PDB file of all heavy atoms in Angstrom:
ATOM      1  N   PHE A   1     -12.708 -19.446 -10.632  1.00  0.00           N
ATOM      2  CA  PHE A   1     -12.341 -20.730 -10.008  1.00  0.00           C
ATOM      3  C   PHE A   1     -12.306 -20.587  -8.524  1.00  0.00           C
ATOM      4  O   PHE A   1     -12.141 -21.620  -7.821  1.00  0.00           O
ATOM      5  CB  PHE A   1     -11.000 -21.260 -10.587  1.00  0.00           C
ATOM      6  CG  PHE A   1      -9.789 -20.493 -10.189  1.00  0.00           C
ATOM      7  CD1 PHE A   1      -9.135 -20.759  -9.012  1.00  0.00           C
ATOM      8  CD2 PHE A   1      -9.274 -19.503 -11.024  1.00  0.00           C
ATOM      9  CE1 PHE A   1      -7.970 -20.086  -8.651  1.00  0.00           C
ATOM     10  CE2 PHE A   1      -8.145 -18.800 -10.652  1.00  0.00           C
ATOM     11  CZ  PHE A   1      -7.460 -19.131  -9.470  1.00  0.00           C
ATOM     12  N   ALA A   2     -12.442 -19.411  -7.959  1.00  0.00           N
ATOM     13  CA  ALA A   2     -12.399 -19.272  -6.522  1.00  0.00           C
ATOM     14  C   ALA A   2     -13.197 -18.052  -6.060  1.00  0.00           C
ATOM     15  O   ALA A   2     -13.240 -17.029  -6.735  1.00  0.00           O
ATOM     16  CB  ALA A   2     -11.004 -19.168  -5.990  1.00  0.00           C
ATOM     17  N   VAL A   3     -13.827 -18.192  -4.906  1.00  0.00           N
ATOM     18  CA  VAL A   3     -14.427 -17.037  -4.161  1.00  0.00           C
ATOM     19  C   VAL A   3     -13.353 -16.567  -3.249  1.00  0.00           C
ATOM     20  O   VAL A   3     -12.789 -17.380  -2.465  1.00  0.00           O
ATOM     21  CB  VAL A   3     -15.679 -17.456  -3.386  1.00  0.00           C
ATOM     22  CG1 VAL A   3     -16.178 -16.219  -2.632  1.00  0.00           C
ATOM     23  CG2 VAL A   3     -16.760 -17.945  -4.320  1.00  0.00           C
ATOM     24  N   LEU A   4     -13.043 -15.330  -3.235  1.00  0.00           N
ATOM     25  CA  LEU A   4     -12.002 -14.798  -2.349  1.00  0.00           C
ATOM     26  C   LEU A   4     -12.671 -13.769  -1.444  1.00  0.00           C
ATOM     27  O   LEU A   4     -13.041 -12.700  -1.916  1.00  0.00           O
ATOM     28  CB  LEU A   4     -10.780 -14.192  -3.057  1.00  0.00           C
ATOM     29  CG  LEU A   4      -9.576 -14.021  -2.192  1.00  0.00           C
ATOM     30  CD1 LEU A   4      -8.305 -14.345  -2.897  1.00  0.00           C
ATOM     31  CD2 LEU A   4      -9.580 -12.585  -1.573  1.00  0.00           C
ATOM     32  N   PHE A   5     -12.780 -14.076  -0.165  1.00  0.00           N
ATOM     33  CA  PHE A   5     -13.356 -13.171   0.835  1.00  0.00           C
ATOM     34  C   PHE A   5     -12.198 -12.623   1.657  1.00  0.00           C
ATOM     35  O   PHE A   5     -11.616 -13.293   2.472  1.00  0.00           O
ATOM     36  CB  PHE A   5     -14.380 -13.924   1.710  1.00  0.00           C
ATOM     37  CG  PHE A   5     -14.891 -13.090   2.840  1.00  0.00           C
ATOM     38  CD1 PHE A   5     -15.159 -11.729   2.670  1.00  0.00           C
ATOM     39  CD2 PHE A   5     -15.182 -13.683   4.059  1.00  0.00           C
ATOM     40  CE1 PHE A   5     -15.658 -10.980   3.743  1.00  0.00           C
ATOM     41  CE2 PHE A   5     -15.665 -12.909   5.127  1.00  0.00           C
ATOM     42  CZ  PHE A   5     -15.883 -11.560   4.951  1.00  0.00           C
ATOM     43  N   GLY A   6     -11.868 -11.346   1.432  1.00  0.00           N
ATOM     44  CA  GLY A   6     -10.738 -10.779   2.079  1.00  0.00           C
ATOM     45  C   GLY A   6     -11.001  -9.471   2.741  1.00  0.00           C
ATOM     46  O   GLY A   6     -12.101  -8.933   2.660  1.00  0.00           O
ATOM     47  N   CYS A   7      -9.985  -8.941   3.411  1.00  0.00           N
ATOM     48  CA  CYS A   7     -10.070  -7.657   4.045  1.00  0.00           C
ATOM     49  C   CYS A   7     -10.017  -6.554   2.956  1.00  0.00           C
ATOM     50  O   CYS A   7      -9.415  -6.710   1.879  1.00  0.00           O
ATOM     51  CB  CYS A   7      -8.867  -7.480   4.988  1.00  0.00           C
ATOM     52  SG  CYS A   7      -8.865  -5.902   5.870  1.00  0.00           S
ATOM     53  N   SER A   8     -10.654  -5.430   3.220  1.00  0.00           N
ATOM     54  CA  SER A   8     -10.748  -4.317   2.251  1.00  0.00           C
ATOM     55  C   SER A   8      -9.484  -3.546   2.116  1.00  0.00           C
ATOM     56  O   SER A   8      -9.365  -2.665   1.313  1.00  0.00           O
ATOM     57  CB  SER A   8     -11.855  -3.358   2.664  1.00  0.00           C
ATOM     58  OG  SER A   8     -13.115  -4.022   2.651  1.00  0.00           O
ATOM     59  N   ASP A   9      -8.451  -3.871   2.967  1.00  0.00           N
ATOM     60  CA  ASP A   9      -7.193  -3.119   2.990  1.00  0.00           C
ATOM     61  C   ASP A   9      -6.652  -2.933   1.519  1.00  0.00           C
ATOM     62  O   ASP A   9      -6.589  -3.833   0.725  1.00  0.00           O
ATOM     63  CB  ASP A   9      -6.144  -3.916   3.813  1.00  0.00           C
ATOM     64  CG  ASP A   9      -4.974  -3.070   4.145  1.00  0.00           C
ATOM     65  OD1 ASP A   9      -4.214  -2.697   3.203  1.00  0.00           O
ATOM     66  OD2 ASP A   9      -4.725  -2.780   5.365  1.00  0.00           O
ATOM     67  N   SER A  10      -6.305  -1.664   1.236  1.00  0.00           N
ATOM     68  CA  SER A  10      -5.860  -1.307  -0.065  1.00  0.00           C
ATOM     69  C   SER A  10      -4.568  -2.001  -0.522  1.00  0.00           C
ATOM     70  O   SER A  10      -4.240  -2.010  -1.692  1.00  0.00           O
ATOM     71  CB  SER A  10      -5.662   0.184  -0.216  1.00  0.00           C
ATOM     72  OG  SER A  10      -4.698   0.648   0.695  1.00  0.00           O
ATOM     73  N   ARG A  11      -3.847  -2.567   0.452  1.00  0.00           N
ATOM     74  CA  ARG A  11      -2.576  -3.253   0.129  1.00  0.00           C
ATOM     75  C   ARG A  11      -2.796  -4.744  -0.190  1.00  0.00           C
ATOM     76  O   ARG A  11      -1.842  -5.508  -0.403  1.00  0.00           O
ATOM     77  CB  ARG A  11      -1.643  -3.164   1.310  1.00  0.00           C
ATOM     78  CG  ARG A  11      -1.257  -1.704   1.673  1.00  0.00           C
ATOM     79  CD  ARG A  11      -0.657  -1.608   3.028  1.00  0.00           C
ATOM     80  NE  ARG A  11      -1.652  -1.899   4.134  1.00  0.00           N
ATOM     81  CZ  ARG A  11      -1.418  -1.869   5.415  1.00  0.00           C
ATOM     82  NH1 ARG A  11      -0.160  -1.556   5.842  1.00  0.00           N
ATOM     83  NH2 ARG A  11      -2.353  -2.160   6.297  1.00  0.00           N
ATOM     84  N   LEU A  12      -4.070  -5.199  -0.285  1.00  0.00           N
ATOM     85  CA  LEU A  12      -4.424  -6.595  -0.391  1.00  0.00           C
ATOM     86  C   LEU A  12      -5.307  -6.793  -1.630  1.00  0.00           C
ATOM     87  O   LEU A  12      -6.383  -7.358  -1.535  1.00  0.00           O
ATOM     88  CB  LEU A  12      -5.117  -7.025   0.856  1.00  0.00           C
ATOM     89  CG  LEU A  12      -5.190  -8.499   1.170  1.00  0.00           C
ATOM     90  CD1 LEU A  12      -3.787  -9.056   1.462  1.00  0.00           C
ATOM     91  CD2 LEU A  12      -6.045  -8.808   2.348  1.00  0.00           C
ATOM     92  N   ALA A  13      -4.833  -6.394  -2.794  1.00  0.00           N
ATOM     93  CA  ALA A  13      -5.603  -6.576  -4.031  1.00  0.00           C
ATOM     94  C   ALA A  13      -5.439  -7.995  -4.537  1.00  0.00           C
ATOM     95  O   ALA A  13      -4.391  -8.416  -4.951  1.00  0.00           O
ATOM     96  CB  ALA A  13      -5.110  -5.597  -5.071  1.00  0.00           C
ATOM     97  N   ALA A  14      -6.537  -8.762  -4.510  1.00  0.00           N
ATOM     98  CA  ALA A  14      -6.496 -10.229  -4.730  1.00  0.00           C
ATOM     99  C   ALA A  14      -5.913 -10.545  -6.112  1.00  0.00           C
ATOM    100  O   ALA A  14      -5.056 -11.445  -6.225  1.00  0.00           O
ATOM    101  CB  ALA A  14      -7.867 -10.819  -4.559  1.00  0.00           C
ATOM    102  N   GLU A  15      -6.434  -9.914  -7.165  1.00  0.00           N
ATOM    103  CA  GLU A  15      -5.939 -10.287  -8.484  1.00  0.00           C
ATOM    104  C   GLU A  15      -4.446 -10.007  -8.690  1.00  0.00           C
ATOM    105  O   GLU A  15      -3.814 -10.663  -9.521  1.00  0.00           O
ATOM    106  CB  GLU A  15      -6.729  -9.536  -9.549  1.00  0.00           C
ATOM    107  CG  GLU A  15      -8.142 -10.058  -9.798  1.00  0.00           C
ATOM    108  CD  GLU A  15      -9.156  -9.472  -8.825  1.00  0.00           C
ATOM    109  OE1 GLU A  15      -8.778  -8.657  -7.924  1.00  0.00           O
ATOM    110  OE2 GLU A  15     -10.358  -9.719  -8.972  1.00  0.00           O
ATOM    111  N   ILE A  16      -3.892  -9.093  -7.913  1.00  0.00           N
ATOM    112  CA  ILE A  16      -2.495  -8.754  -8.041  1.00  0.00           C
ATOM    113  C   ILE A  16      -1.675  -9.733  -7.268  1.00  0.00           C
ATOM    114  O   ILE A  16      -0.694 -10.337  -7.790  1.00  0.00           O
ATOM    115  CB  ILE A  16      -2.238  -7.296  -7.534  1.00  0.00           C
ATOM    116  CG1 ILE A  16      -2.827  -6.327  -8.469  1.00  0.00           C
ATOM    117  CG2 ILE A  16      -0.702  -7.081  -7.472  1.00  0.00           C
ATOM    118  CD1 ILE A  16      -2.717  -4.886  -8.021  1.00  0.00           C
ATOM    119  N   VAL A  17      -2.020 -10.005  -6.001  1.00  0.00           N
ATOM    120  CA  VAL A  17      -1.150 -10.859  -5.178  1.00  0.00           C
ATOM    121  C   VAL A  17      -1.226 -12.324  -5.564  1.00  0.00           C
ATOM    122  O   VAL A  17      -0.353 -13.102  -5.205  1.00  0.00           O
ATOM    123  CB  VAL A  17      -1.496 -10.659  -3.672  1.00  0.00           C
ATOM    124  CG1 VAL A  17      -1.309  -9.185  -3.243  1.00  0.00           C
ATOM    125  CG2 VAL A  17      -2.811 -11.246  -3.307  1.00  0.00           C
ATOM    126  N   PHE A  18      -2.270 -12.662  -6.266  1.00  0.00           N
ATOM    127  CA  PHE A  18      -2.353 -14.069  -6.762  1.00  0.00           C
ATOM    128  C   PHE A  18      -2.210 -14.159  -8.305  1.00  0.00           C
ATOM    129  O   PHE A  18      -2.465 -15.182  -8.890  1.00  0.00           O
ATOM    130  CB  PHE A  18      -3.717 -14.666  -6.361  1.00  0.00           C
ATOM    131  CG  PHE A  18      -3.815 -14.934  -4.864  1.00  0.00           C
ATOM    132  CD1 PHE A  18      -4.718 -14.121  -4.081  1.00  0.00           C
ATOM    133  CD2 PHE A  18      -3.033 -15.892  -4.269  1.00  0.00           C
ATOM    134  CE1 PHE A  18      -4.801 -14.358  -2.722  1.00  0.00           C
ATOM    135  CE2 PHE A  18      -3.149 -16.082  -2.868  1.00  0.00           C
ATOM    136  CZ  PHE A  18      -4.014 -15.330  -2.122  1.00  0.00           C
ATOM    137  N   ASP A  19      -1.789 -13.051  -8.900  1.00  0.00           N
ATOM    138  CA  ASP A  19      -1.439 -13.009 -10.351  1.00  0.00           C
ATOM    139  C   ASP A  19      -2.540 -13.602 -11.200  1.00  0.00           C
ATOM    140  O   ASP A  19      -2.324 -14.555 -11.923  1.00  0.00           O
ATOM    141  CB  ASP A  19      -0.099 -13.694 -10.601  1.00  0.00           C
ATOM    142  CG  ASP A  19       0.378 -13.419 -12.033  1.00  0.00           C
ATOM    143  OD1 ASP A  19       0.089 -12.317 -12.593  1.00  0.00           O
ATOM    144  OD2 ASP A  19       1.064 -14.297 -12.585  1.00  0.00           O
ATOM    145  N   ARG A  20      -3.745 -13.088 -11.082  1.00  0.00           N
ATOM    146  CA  ARG A  20      -4.891 -13.566 -11.874  1.00  0.00           C
ATOM    147  C   ARG A  20      -5.510 -12.395 -12.642  1.00  0.00           C
ATOM    148  O   ARG A  20      -5.036 -11.284 -12.543  1.00  0.00           O
ATOM    149  CB  ARG A  20      -5.959 -14.173 -10.966  1.00  0.00           C
ATOM    150  CG  ARG A  20      -5.512 -15.367 -10.126  1.00  0.00           C
ATOM    151  CD  ARG A  20      -4.804 -16.442 -10.897  1.00  0.00           C
ATOM    152  NE  ARG A  20      -5.445 -16.875 -12.171  1.00  0.00           N
ATOM    153  CZ  ARG A  20      -4.973 -17.767 -13.013  1.00  0.00           C
ATOM    154  NH1 ARG A  20      -3.842 -18.377 -12.701  1.00  0.00           N
ATOM    155  NH2 ARG A  20      -5.632 -18.071 -14.099  1.00  0.00           N
ATOM    156  N   GLY A  21      -6.525 -12.703 -13.447  1.00  0.00           N
ATOM    157  CA  GLY A  21      -7.094 -11.669 -14.286  1.00  0.00           C
ATOM    158  C   GLY A  21      -8.565 -11.625 -14.294  1.00  0.00           C
ATOM    159  O   GLY A  21      -9.249 -12.134 -13.337  1.00  0.00           O
ATOM    160  N   LEU A  22      -9.123 -11.105 -15.352  1.00  0.00           N
ATOM    161  CA  LEU A  22     -10.591 -10.929 -15.480  1.00  0.00           C
ATOM    162  C   LEU A  22     -11.333 -12.269 -15.449  1.00  0.00           C
ATOM    163  O   LEU A  22     -10.891 -13.212 -16.160  1.00  0.00           O
ATOM    164  CB  LEU A  22     -10.915 -10.208 -16.787  1.00  0.00           C
ATOM    165  CG  LEU A  22     -10.345  -8.798 -16.951  1.00  0.00           C
ATOM    166  CD1 LEU A  22     -10.645  -8.255 -18.332  1.00  0.00           C
ATOM    167  CD2 LEU A  22     -10.981  -7.838 -15.890  1.00  0.00           C
ATOM    168  N   GLY A  23     -12.299 -12.399 -14.617  1.00  0.00           N
ATOM    169  CA  GLY A  23     -13.134 -13.612 -14.583  1.00  0.00           C
ATOM    170  C   GLY A  23     -12.550 -14.755 -13.784  1.00  0.00           C
ATOM    171  O   GLY A  23     -13.131 -15.829 -13.751  1.00  0.00           O
ATOM    172  N   ASP A  24     -11.378 -14.547 -13.160  1.00  0.00           N
ATOM    173  CA  ASP A  24     -10.748 -15.612 -12.425  1.00  0.00           C
ATOM    174  C   ASP A  24     -11.263 -15.741 -10.961  1.00  0.00           C
ATOM    175  O   ASP A  24     -11.369 -16.876 -10.432  1.00  0.00           O
ATOM    176  CB  ASP A  24      -9.260 -15.457 -12.391  1.00  0.00           C
ATOM    177  CG  ASP A  24      -8.608 -15.705 -13.785  1.00  0.00           C
ATOM    178  OD1 ASP A  24      -9.205 -16.438 -14.546  1.00  0.00           O
ATOM    179  OD2 ASP A  24      -7.487 -15.175 -13.998  1.00  0.00           O
ATOM    180  N   LEU A  25     -11.422 -14.664 -10.321  1.00  0.00           N
ATOM    181  CA  LEU A  25     -11.786 -14.638  -8.898  1.00  0.00           C
ATOM    182  C   LEU A  25     -13.055 -13.876  -8.681  1.00  0.00           C
ATOM    183  O   LEU A  25     -13.286 -12.781  -9.254  1.00  0.00           O
ATOM    184  CB  LEU A  25     -10.639 -13.963  -8.054  1.00  0.00           C
ATOM    185  CG  LEU A  25      -9.281 -14.569  -8.185  1.00  0.00           C
ATOM    186  CD1 LEU A  25      -8.269 -13.747  -7.386  1.00  0.00           C
ATOM    187  CD2 LEU A  25      -9.218 -16.028  -7.723  1.00  0.00           C
ATOM    188  N   PHE A  26     -13.935 -14.427  -7.829  1.00  0.00           N
ATOM    189  CA  PHE A  26     -15.140 -13.734  -7.384  1.00  0.00           C
ATOM    190  C   PHE A  26     -14.849 -13.122  -5.996  1.00  0.00           C
ATOM    191  O   PHE A  26     -14.755 -13.839  -5.050  1.00  0.00           O
ATOM    192  CB  PHE A  26     -16.302 -14.737  -7.307  1.00  0.00           C
ATOM    193  CG  PHE A  26     -17.658 -14.088  -7.063  1.00  0.00           C
ATOM    194  CD1 PHE A  26     -18.290 -13.318  -8.036  1.00  0.00           C
ATOM    195  CD2 PHE A  26     -18.267 -14.249  -5.795  1.00  0.00           C
ATOM    196  CE1 PHE A  26     -19.504 -12.780  -7.825  1.00  0.00           C
ATOM    197  CE2 PHE A  26     -19.517 -13.640  -5.583  1.00  0.00           C
ATOM    198  CZ  PHE A  26     -20.138 -12.965  -6.574  1.00  0.00           C
ATOM    199  N   VAL A  27     -14.647 -11.837  -5.964  1.00  0.00           N
ATOM    200  CA  VAL A  27     -14.007 -11.186  -4.794  1.00  0.00           C
ATOM    201  C   VAL A  27     -15.068 -10.463  -3.960  1.00  0.00           C
ATOM    202  O   VAL A  27     -15.874  -9.676  -4.445  1.00  0.00           O
ATOM    203  CB  VAL A  27     -12.944 -10.186  -5.210  1.00  0.00           C
ATOM    204  CG1 VAL A  27     -12.296  -9.534  -3.967  1.00  0.00           C
ATOM    205  CG2 VAL A  27     -11.847 -10.892  -5.985  1.00  0.00           C
ATOM    206  N   VAL A  28     -15.015 -10.751  -2.620  1.00  0.00           N
ATOM    207  CA  VAL A  28     -15.870 -10.087  -1.636  1.00  0.00           C
ATOM    208  C   VAL A  28     -14.950  -9.496  -0.601  1.00  0.00           C
ATOM    209  O   VAL A  28     -14.093 -10.249  -0.075  1.00  0.00           O
ATOM    210  CB  VAL A  28     -16.850 -11.057  -0.991  1.00  0.00           C
ATOM    211  CG1 VAL A  28     -17.811 -10.340  -0.038  1.00  0.00           C
ATOM    212  CG2 VAL A  28     -17.653 -11.854  -2.023  1.00  0.00           C
ATOM    213  N   ARG A  29     -15.074  -8.227  -0.270  1.00  0.00           N
ATOM    214  CA  ARG A  29     -14.112  -7.627   0.684  1.00  0.00           C
ATOM    215  C   ARG A  29     -14.869  -6.776   1.680  1.00  0.00           C
ATOM    216  O   ARG A  29     -15.727  -5.961   1.300  1.00  0.00           O
ATOM    217  CB  ARG A  29     -13.063  -6.790  -0.023  1.00  0.00           C
ATOM    218  CG  ARG A  29     -12.202  -7.605  -0.986  1.00  0.00           C
ATOM    219  CD  ARG A  29     -11.240  -6.771  -1.782  1.00  0.00           C
ATOM    220  NE  ARG A  29     -10.206  -6.197  -0.967  1.00  0.00           N
ATOM    221  CZ  ARG A  29      -9.252  -5.374  -1.448  1.00  0.00           C
ATOM    222  NH1 ARG A  29      -9.273  -5.009  -2.672  1.00  0.00           N
ATOM    223  NH2 ARG A  29      -8.290  -4.903  -0.639  1.00  0.00           N
ATOM    224  N   THR A  30     -14.501  -6.858   2.951  1.00  0.00           N
ATOM    225  CA  THR A  30     -14.989  -5.970   3.974  1.00  0.00           C
ATOM    226  C   THR A  30     -13.841  -5.663   4.920  1.00  0.00           C
ATOM    227  O   THR A  30     -12.842  -6.420   4.991  1.00  0.00           O
ATOM    228  CB  THR A  30     -16.131  -6.625   4.791  1.00  0.00           C
ATOM    229  OG1 THR A  30     -15.638  -7.773   5.497  1.00  0.00           O
ATOM    230  CG2 THR A  30     -17.307  -7.009   3.958  1.00  0.00           C
ATOM    231  N   ALA A  31     -13.945  -4.600   5.706  1.00  0.00           N
ATOM    232  CA  ALA A  31     -12.916  -4.296   6.675  1.00  0.00           C
ATOM    233  C   ALA A  31     -12.794  -5.454   7.699  1.00  0.00           C
ATOM    234  O   ALA A  31     -13.799  -5.898   8.239  1.00  0.00           O
ATOM    235  CB  ALA A  31     -13.250  -3.042   7.433  1.00  0.00           C
ATOM    236  N   GLY A  32     -11.584  -5.964   7.862  1.00  0.00           N
ATOM    237  CA  GLY A  32     -11.367  -7.033   8.792  1.00  0.00           C
ATOM    238  C   GLY A  32     -12.066  -8.344   8.419  1.00  0.00           C
ATOM    239  O   GLY A  32     -12.282  -9.224   9.217  1.00  0.00           O
ATOM    240  N   HIS A  33     -12.401  -8.512   7.120  1.00  0.00           N
ATOM    241  CA  HIS A  33     -13.180  -9.609   6.568  1.00  0.00           C
ATOM    242  C   HIS A  33     -14.317 -10.053   7.591  1.00  0.00           C
ATOM    243  O   HIS A  33     -14.424 -11.221   7.897  1.00  0.00           O
ATOM    244  CB  HIS A  33     -12.318 -10.829   6.160  1.00  0.00           C
ATOM    245  CG  HIS A  33     -11.324 -11.312   7.172  1.00  0.00           C
ATOM    246  ND1 HIS A  33     -11.643 -12.212   8.168  1.00  0.00           N
ATOM    247  CD2 HIS A  33      -9.994 -11.095   7.336  1.00  0.00           C
ATOM    248  CE1 HIS A  33     -10.624 -12.518   8.910  1.00  0.00           C
ATOM    249  NE2 HIS A  33      -9.569 -11.861   8.405  1.00  0.00           N
ATOM    250  N   VAL A  34     -15.084  -9.058   8.061  1.00  0.00           N
ATOM    251  CA  VAL A  34     -16.244  -9.393   8.884  1.00  0.00           C
ATOM    252  C   VAL A  34     -17.361  -9.784   7.967  1.00  0.00           C
ATOM    253  O   VAL A  34     -17.564  -9.236   6.912  1.00  0.00           O
ATOM    254  CB  VAL A  34     -16.645  -8.163   9.807  1.00  0.00           C
ATOM    255  CG1 VAL A  34     -15.480  -7.826  10.749  1.00  0.00           C
ATOM    256  CG2 VAL A  34     -17.018  -6.982   8.996  1.00  0.00           C
ATOM    257  N   ALA A  35     -18.172 -10.760   8.419  1.00  0.00           N
ATOM    258  CA  ALA A  35     -19.197 -11.365   7.551  1.00  0.00           C
ATOM    259  C   ALA A  35     -20.556 -11.142   8.060  1.00  0.00           C
ATOM    260  O   ALA A  35     -20.933 -11.573   9.179  1.00  0.00           O
ATOM    261  CB  ALA A  35     -18.908 -12.879   7.419  1.00  0.00           C
ATOM    262  N   GLY A  36     -21.372 -10.453   7.266  1.00  0.00           N
ATOM    263  CA  GLY A  36     -22.779 -10.271   7.505  1.00  0.00           C
ATOM    264  C   GLY A  36     -23.602 -11.008   6.480  1.00  0.00           C
ATOM    265  O   GLY A  36     -23.048 -11.770   5.664  1.00  0.00           O
ATOM    266  N   PRO A  37     -24.954 -10.831   6.473  1.00  0.00           N
ATOM    267  CA  PRO A  37     -25.786 -11.532   5.536  1.00  0.00           C
ATOM    268  C   PRO A  37     -25.393 -11.322   4.053  1.00  0.00           C
ATOM    269  O   PRO A  37     -25.466 -12.245   3.239  1.00  0.00           O
ATOM    270  CB  PRO A  37     -27.197 -10.997   5.818  1.00  0.00           C
ATOM    271  CG  PRO A  37     -27.096 -10.563   7.263  1.00  0.00           C
ATOM    272  CD  PRO A  37     -25.742 -10.034   7.424  1.00  0.00           C
ATOM    273  N   GLU A  38     -25.034 -10.064   3.700  1.00  0.00           N
ATOM    274  CA  GLU A  38     -24.673  -9.792   2.301  1.00  0.00           C
ATOM    275  C   GLU A  38     -23.443 -10.535   1.910  1.00  0.00           C
ATOM    276  O   GLU A  38     -23.392 -11.022   0.751  1.00  0.00           O
ATOM    277  CB  GLU A  38     -24.410  -8.269   2.150  1.00  0.00           C
ATOM    278  CG  GLU A  38     -25.620  -7.371   2.449  1.00  0.00           C
ATOM    279  CD  GLU A  38     -25.760  -7.049   3.892  1.00  0.00           C
ATOM    280  OE1 GLU A  38     -24.956  -7.603   4.743  1.00  0.00           O
ATOM    281  OE2 GLU A  38     -26.553  -6.207   4.247  1.00  0.00           O
ATOM    282  N   VAL A  39     -22.484 -10.711   2.798  1.00  0.00           N
ATOM    283  CA  VAL A  39     -21.270 -11.435   2.500  1.00  0.00           C
ATOM    284  C   VAL A  39     -21.623 -12.954   2.305  1.00  0.00           C
ATOM    285  O   VAL A  39     -21.168 -13.559   1.347  1.00  0.00           O
ATOM    286  CB  VAL A  39     -20.251 -11.257   3.617  1.00  0.00           C
ATOM    287  CG1 VAL A  39     -19.123 -12.321   3.497  1.00  0.00           C
ATOM    288  CG2 VAL A  39     -19.625  -9.873   3.606  1.00  0.00           C
TER     289      VAL A  39
END
């Protein structure tokens, strides 16, 4: 139901901090959430 583009920081696990599970979030992560073509 959401694309989550976040920082790669190990303290920022999306499914944990938003209490979601398998198939709920499409997660893309890079250091400092910097965005290139792949992102």
